Amino acid sequence: MSRNRWYVFAAVWGLIDAVAAILMARGQHLGFAAMAGIVVDVVALALLFLAGRQAKAQGRPAWRAGLTTGVVFGLFAGWSSFFVVITRQTLAPRLKASVSSANIDKIVRAANTPPAHVAGWVEVIILWLLLGLLAGFIGGLATRAPASTRDV
């Protein structure tokens, strides 16, 4: 599989992850969405591992292939943060009872601003960048370079 195919697959898989996250945040089909989200994330980690493995077999840096594929996945998976709206009803049970109603309203308003959504998107990108770096590196350790004669 060529590099571009890994990136396309990561982009499509990231969109599937975003849809699962949106469904889970809205509470629709909660059990299915949670299970789908877990499966999508495990498959994404396997994708990063395999991208690093193939890169190492082709003589390219495995960590770089995993990192790039992770960023592509994160770019698309992070889009879900723009479609999730935090409501008072979802936030209040998670806060301590001592938080005033006015403070809850401020938190809800701040959580639904464009900068908060962008920050969530960037957070997902950085998370998958780091996971891609790690999974790609481990994938590279699981195979040998084309000119290498030692066993792994």
C-alpha atoms as a PDB file:
ATOM      1  CA  MET A   1       0.000   0.000   0.000  1.00  0.00           C
ATOM      2  CA  SER A   2       1.481   3.356  -0.978  1.00  0.00           C
ATOM      3  CA  ARG A   3       1.828   6.312   1.375  1.00  0.00           C
ATOM      4  CA  ASN A   4      -1.075   8.166  -0.194  1.00  0.00           C
ATOM      5  CA  ARG A   5      -3.388   5.209   0.330  1.00  0.00           C
ATOM      6  CA  TRP A   6      -2.506   5.160   4.032  1.00  0.00           C
ATOM      7  CA  TYR A   7      -3.388   8.845   4.239  1.00  0.00           C
ATOM      8  CA  VAL A   8      -6.684   8.424   2.384  1.00  0.00           C
ATOM      9  CA  PHE A   9      -7.619   5.480   4.578  1.00  0.00           C
ATOM     10  CA  ALA A  10      -6.686   7.498   7.690  1.00  0.00           C
ATOM     11  CA  ALA A  11      -8.852  10.414   6.494  1.00  0.00           C
ATOM     12  CA  VAL A  12     -11.876   8.211   5.835  1.00  0.00           C
ATOM     13  CA  TRP A  13     -11.368   6.381   9.117  1.00  0.00           C
ATOM     14  CA  GLY A  14     -11.101   9.755  10.896  1.00  0.00           C
ATOM     15  CA  LEU A  15     -14.470  10.789   9.470  1.00  0.00           C
ATOM     16  CA  ILE A  16     -15.989   7.547  10.751  1.00  0.00           C
ATOM     17  CA  ASP A  17     -14.499   8.312  14.179  1.00  0.00           C
ATOM     18  CA  ALA A  18     -15.982  11.814  14.072  1.00  0.00           C
ATOM     19  CA  VAL A  19     -19.453  10.462  13.287  1.00  0.00           C
ATOM     20  CA  ALA A  20     -19.208   7.972  16.166  1.00  0.00           C
ATOM     21  CA  ALA A  21     -18.098  10.763  18.532  1.00  0.00           C
ATOM     22  CA  ILE A  22     -20.972  13.011  17.443  1.00  0.00           C
ATOM     23  CA  LEU A  23     -23.516  10.233  17.975  1.00  0.00           C
ATOM     24  CA  MET A  24     -22.057   9.439  21.376  1.00  0.00           C
ATOM     25  CA  ALA A  25     -22.063  13.094  22.464  1.00  0.00           C
ATOM     26  CA  ARG A  26     -25.673  13.527  21.425  1.00  0.00           C
ATOM     27  CA  GLY A  27     -26.688  10.408  23.314  1.00  0.00           C
ATOM     28  CA  GLN A  28     -28.141   8.697  20.266  1.00  0.00           C
ATOM     29  CA  HIS A  29     -27.502   4.973  20.140  1.00  0.00           C
ATOM     30  CA  LEU A  30     -25.141   5.372  23.079  1.00  0.00           C
ATOM     31  CA  GLY A  31     -24.110   1.727  23.372  1.00  0.00           C
ATOM     32  CA  PHE A  32     -23.502   1.334  19.651  1.00  0.00           C
ATOM     33  CA  ALA A  33     -21.659   4.650  19.352  1.00  0.00           C
ATOM     34  CA  ALA A  34     -19.408   3.888  22.326  1.00  0.00           C
ATOM     35  CA  MET A  35     -18.545   0.454  20.961  1.00  0.00           C
ATOM     36  CA  ALA A  36     -18.020   1.845  17.459  1.00  0.00           C
ATOM     37  CA  GLY A  37     -15.759   4.571  18.860  1.00  0.00           C
ATOM     38  CA  ILE A  38     -13.596   2.008  20.646  1.00  0.00           C
ATOM     39  CA  VAL A  39     -13.365  -0.216  17.565  1.00  0.00           C
ATOM     40  CA  VAL A  40     -12.520   2.752  15.335  1.00  0.00           C
ATOM     41  CA  ASP A  41      -9.754   3.893  17.703  1.00  0.00           C
ATOM     42  CA  VAL A  42      -8.232   0.396  17.926  1.00  0.00           C
ATOM     43  CA  VAL A  43      -8.286   0.077  14.135  1.00  0.00           C
ATOM     44  CA  ALA A  44      -6.722   3.553  13.864  1.00  0.00           C
ATOM     45  CA  LEU A  45      -3.868   2.460  16.150  1.00  0.00           C
ATOM     46  CA  ALA A  46      -3.400  -0.649  14.017  1.00  0.00           C
ATOM     47  CA  LEU A  47      -3.345   1.569  10.915  1.00  0.00           C
ATOM     48  CA  LEU A  48      -0.595   3.710  12.449  1.00  0.00           C
ATOM     49  CA  PHE A  49       1.368   0.603  13.410  1.00  0.00           C
ATOM     50  CA  LEU A  50       1.089  -0.852   9.913  1.00  0.00           C
ATOM     51  CA  ALA A  51       2.036   2.458   8.278  1.00  0.00           C
ATOM     52  CA  GLY A  52       5.225   2.537  10.359  1.00  0.00           C
ATOM     53  CA  ARG A  53       5.935  -1.102   9.591  1.00  0.00           C
ATOM     54  CA  GLN A  54       5.577  -0.624   5.862  1.00  0.00           C
ATOM     55  CA  ALA A  55       7.670   2.544   5.902  1.00  0.00           C
ATOM     56  CA  LYS A  56      10.512   0.731   7.658  1.00  0.00           C
ATOM     57  CA  ALA A  57      10.295  -2.131   5.143  1.00  0.00           C
ATOM     58  CA  GLN A  58      10.636   0.434   2.344  1.00  0.00           C
ATOM     59  CA  GLY A  59      13.617   2.106   3.991  1.00  0.00           C
ATOM     60  CA  ARG A  60      11.784   5.205   5.209  1.00  0.00           C
ATOM     61  CA  PRO A  61      11.568   6.423   8.828  1.00  0.00           C
ATOM     62  CA  ALA A  62       8.781   4.493  10.541  1.00  0.00           C
ATOM     63  CA  TRP A  63       8.124   7.166  13.145  1.00  0.00           C
ATOM     64  CA  ARG A  64       7.560   9.776  10.439  1.00  0.00           C
ATOM     65  CA  ALA A  65       5.037   7.602   8.602  1.00  0.00           C
ATOM     66  CA  GLY A  66       3.136   6.948  11.829  1.00  0.00           C
ATOM     67  CA  LEU A  67       3.247  10.605  12.805  1.00  0.00           C
ATOM     68  CA  THR A  68       1.965  11.830   9.443  1.00  0.00           C
ATOM     69  CA  THR A  69      -0.770   9.215   9.282  1.00  0.00           C
ATOM     70  CA  GLY A  70      -1.774  10.089  12.854  1.00  0.00           C
ATOM     71  CA  VAL A  71      -2.032  13.783  11.998  1.00  0.00           C
ATOM     72  CA  VAL A  72      -4.222  13.021   8.972  1.00  0.00           C
ATOM     73  CA  PHE A  73      -6.469  10.834  11.130  1.00  0.00           C
ATOM     74  CA  GLY A  74      -6.614  13.503  13.850  1.00  0.00           C
ATOM     75  CA  LEU A  75      -7.460  16.268  11.384  1.00  0.00           C
ATOM     76  CA  PHE A  76     -10.617  14.441  10.371  1.00  0.00           C
ATOM     77  CA  ALA A  77     -11.492  12.809  13.699  1.00  0.00           C
ATOM     78  CA  GLY A  78     -11.252  16.174  15.458  1.00  0.00           C
ATOM     79  CA  TRP A  79     -14.022  17.691  13.364  1.00  0.00           C
ATOM     80  CA  SER A  80     -16.512  16.227  15.802  1.00  0.00           C
ATOM     81  CA  SER A  81     -15.610  18.948  18.304  1.00  0.00           C
ATOM     82  CA  PHE A  82     -17.329  21.504  16.063  1.00  0.00           C
ATOM     83  CA  PHE A  83     -20.622  19.585  16.125  1.00  0.00           C
ATOM     84  CA  VAL A  84     -20.858  18.840  19.845  1.00  0.00           C
ATOM     85  CA  VAL A  85     -22.840  21.349  21.886  1.00  0.00           C
ATOM     86  CA  ILE A  86     -22.444  21.320  25.653  1.00  0.00           C
ATOM     87  CA  THR A  87     -25.734  21.889  27.461  1.00  0.00           C
ATOM     88  CA  ARG A  88     -26.510  22.720  31.040  1.00  0.00           C
ATOM     89  CA  GLN A  89     -28.206  19.342  31.474  1.00  0.00           C
ATOM     90  CA  THR A  90     -25.097  17.415  30.416  1.00  0.00           C
ATOM     91  CA  LEU A  91     -22.680  19.569  32.393  1.00  0.00           C
ATOM     92  CA  ALA A  92     -24.474  20.038  35.739  1.00  0.00           C
ATOM     93  CA  PRO A  93     -24.282  16.389  36.919  1.00  0.00           C
ATOM     94  CA  ARG A  94     -20.521  16.354  36.302  1.00  0.00           C
ATOM     95  CA  LEU A  95     -19.839  19.417  38.443  1.00  0.00           C
ATOM     96  CA  LYS A  96     -19.758  19.643  42.204  1.00  0.00           C
ATOM     97  CA  ALA A  97     -22.985  20.622  43.909  1.00  0.00           C
ATOM     98  CA  SER A  98     -21.362  23.792  45.230  1.00  0.00           C
ATOM     99  CA  VAL A  99     -21.055  25.364  41.767  1.00  0.00           C
ATOM    100  CA  SER A 100     -23.551  28.167  41.368  1.00  0.00           C
ATOM    101  CA  SER A 101     -26.078  28.375  38.579  1.00  0.00           C
ATOM    102  CA  ALA A 102     -24.448  31.539  37.224  1.00  0.00           C
ATOM    103  CA  ASN A 103     -21.064  29.797  37.027  1.00  0.00           C
ATOM    104  CA  ILE A 104     -22.591  26.829  35.212  1.00  0.00           C
ATOM    105  CA  ASP A 105     -24.082  29.230  32.659  1.00  0.00           C
ATOM    106  CA  LYS A 106     -20.680  30.886  32.150  1.00  0.00           C
ATOM    107  CA  ILE A 107     -19.006  27.513  31.674  1.00  0.00           C
ATOM    108  CA  VAL A 108     -21.636  26.409  29.150  1.00  0.00           C
ATOM    109  CA  ARG A 109     -21.265  29.655  27.169  1.00  0.00           C
ATOM    110  CA  ALA A 110     -17.459  29.365  27.185  1.00  0.00           C
ATOM    111  CA  ALA A 111     -17.526  25.697  26.144  1.00  0.00           C
ATOM    112  CA  ASN A 112     -19.632  26.458  23.080  1.00  0.00           C
ATOM    113  CA  THR A 113     -17.486  29.271  21.670  1.00  0.00           C
ATOM    114  CA  PRO A 114     -15.516  28.851  18.440  1.00  0.00           C
ATOM    115  CA  PRO A 115     -12.145  29.075  20.250  1.00  0.00           C
ATOM    116  CA  ALA A 116     -13.198  26.210  22.535  1.00  0.00           C
ATOM    117  CA  HIS A 117     -14.163  24.095  19.528  1.00  0.00           C
ATOM    118  CA  VAL A 118     -10.862  24.885  17.799  1.00  0.00           C
ATOM    119  CA  ALA A 119      -8.985  24.005  20.993  1.00  0.00           C
ATOM    120  CA  GLY A 120     -10.781  20.640  21.082  1.00  0.00           C
ATOM    121  CA  TRP A 121      -9.869  20.017  17.456  1.00  0.00           C
ATOM    122  CA  VAL A 122      -6.204  20.886  18.062  1.00  0.00           C
ATOM    123  CA  GLU A 123      -6.204  18.628  21.123  1.00  0.00           C
ATOM    124  CA  VAL A 124      -7.361  15.667  19.021  1.00  0.00           C
ATOM    125  CA  ILE A 125      -4.721  16.409  16.369  1.00  0.00           C
ATOM    126  CA  ILE A 126      -1.938  16.534  18.971  1.00  0.00           C
ATOM    127  CA  LEU A 127      -3.185  13.350  20.629  1.00  0.00           C
ATOM    128  CA  TRP A 128      -3.140  11.405  17.369  1.00  0.00           C
ATOM    129  CA  LEU A 129       0.180  12.975  16.383  1.00  0.00           C
ATOM    130  CA  LEU A 130       1.730  11.533  19.545  1.00  0.00           C
ATOM    131  CA  LEU A 131      -0.048   8.191  19.183  1.00  0.00           C
ATOM    132  CA  GLY A 132       1.062   8.030  15.547  1.00  0.00           C
ATOM    133  CA  LEU A 133       4.650   8.747  16.529  1.00  0.00           C
ATOM    134  CA  LEU A 134       4.587   5.959  19.100  1.00  0.00           C
ATOM    135  CA  ALA A 135       2.644   3.387  17.048  1.00  0.00           C
ATOM    136  CA  GLY A 136       4.716   4.075  13.916  1.00  0.00           C
ATOM    137  CA  PHE A 137       7.943   3.695  15.872  1.00  0.00           C
ATOM    138  CA  ILE A 138       6.753   0.402  17.374  1.00  0.00           C
ATOM    139  CA  GLY A 139       5.638  -0.742  13.918  1.00  0.00           C
ATOM    140  CA  GLY A 140       9.119   0.026  12.643  1.00  0.00           C
ATOM    141  CA  LEU A 141      10.623  -2.085  15.415  1.00  0.00           C
ATOM    142  CA  ALA A 142       8.437  -4.994  14.362  1.00  0.00           C
ATOM    143  CA  THR A 143      10.066  -5.263  10.941  1.00  0.00           C
ATOM    144  CA  ARG A 144      13.505  -4.861   9.498  1.00  0.00           C
ATOM    145  CA  ALA A 145      14.915  -2.419   7.023  1.00  0.00           C
ATOM    146  CA  PRO A 146      15.365  -3.656   3.453  1.00  0.00           C
ATOM    147  CA  ALA A 147      19.163  -3.941   3.726  1.00  0.00           C
ATOM    148  CA  SER A 148      19.159  -5.389   7.235  1.00  0.00           C
ATOM    149  CA  THR A 149      20.214  -9.007   7.732  1.00  0.00           C
ATOM    150  CA  ARG A 150      19.553  -9.347  11.450  1.00  0.00           C
ATOM    151  CA  ASP A 151      16.390 -10.893  12.855  1.00  0.00           C
ATOM    152  CA  VAL A 152      13.900  -8.778  14.734  1.00  0.00           C
END
